[in-house]
Amino acid sequence: MTGATPSPNIWDSPEIYEIENRAVDPDRVIEAALAELVLESGQGLLGADSSWGRVLDVGCGNGFHLPRLAEVAEHVTGVEPRASLAAAAMHRTRHLNNVTIRQGLAQELPVPSASVDVAHARLAYFFGPGCEPGLEELARVVRGGGLAVVLDHDASRSELGRWFADGLLVDGVPRDGPAHERFWALQGFSRRQLDVRWQFENSADLAAVLRIEFPLETVQRALAEIGDRLELEAAVNLWFRRY
C-alpha cells in the first residue's frame, strides 16, 4: 500500500521470518509481560470473562501472533499493509471466529475511534521519531482506560543488541539512547526492559535469520562470535501507554 513503511525482513523473506518468529522468546517472557500490563490496567480493561477485550495488532504480518492473542481476547483485528502478508494472516486464522484481518496502514488504521481495548505492535513500524502519525492513530482508536504496547529491540544491551546497534544507525547514530528514550517519554510511553533469548533448531536457520536482519559484515562477525551455539541473548524494550 502507498505510504507503508517497508519491512525488508518479512516483506522480502517471509519464510525465513517465520523461522525467526518461532525462535524468538521460547520462554514467553514477552507474553507474560504483556499479560501483566493488562492486569495492572485494572478490571476496567478486562472483560467479565477476564479476556483482554478488543485487541488490535498493528503490522500483524502473516499473523504469527494472532492465534495466541485470540486465546486471550474477545476479538482480535490484525492490520497489515502488504497484501500478500494480509492474505497469509487470513489463511493462518481462517479457523478462528474471533479474528479479523484488514489491509491498512499504521497511520490510517481501518478501525473506528475508541474501539480498541489493547493495541499491540511488535517490531512493526514504530521505531521512535518518524512514527508520530501511527502513535496519533493509536490515541484515536484506543478507548479511555485502554492500553497500547509497542515492542522494539533494545540495541543498548545483549549480543543481539550490539549487532542491531551496528546495523540500525540513524544518520550514523544508534537509534537507541537518551534521545530515543526522551521521544517515547514525550509521547506518554513508559518502558519495561526485558531479557529474552532466541533458540534455533539448527545453525542453517540461525544464519539465514541473521542474513535478513543485518548487513553482511555484521552477519560475518556475529557468526564468528556464535560458533556452534544455537541460542542467542537478546533484549527488548516494551513501551506502553495507558489512555
Foldseek 3Di string as FASTA:
>chain_A
DPPFDDDQQCVVPVPLVVQQVVFWFPVCPVVVVVLVVLVVLDCVQADPVRAREEEEEEQCFLPPCVVVNLVRYQAYEYEHQDPVSLVNVCVVCVVPPRYHYDYDHLLDDPDQFQAHQEYEYEQGDDQAPPCVSSLVVVNGRHHASHKYKYKFFQLPDFPVSVQCQVFDADVNGRSDDDVRVVRLVVSAKDKDKDKGKTAHPAPVSVLVSVPSVGPPVSSVVVCVVQPGDRMGITMMIIIMHHD
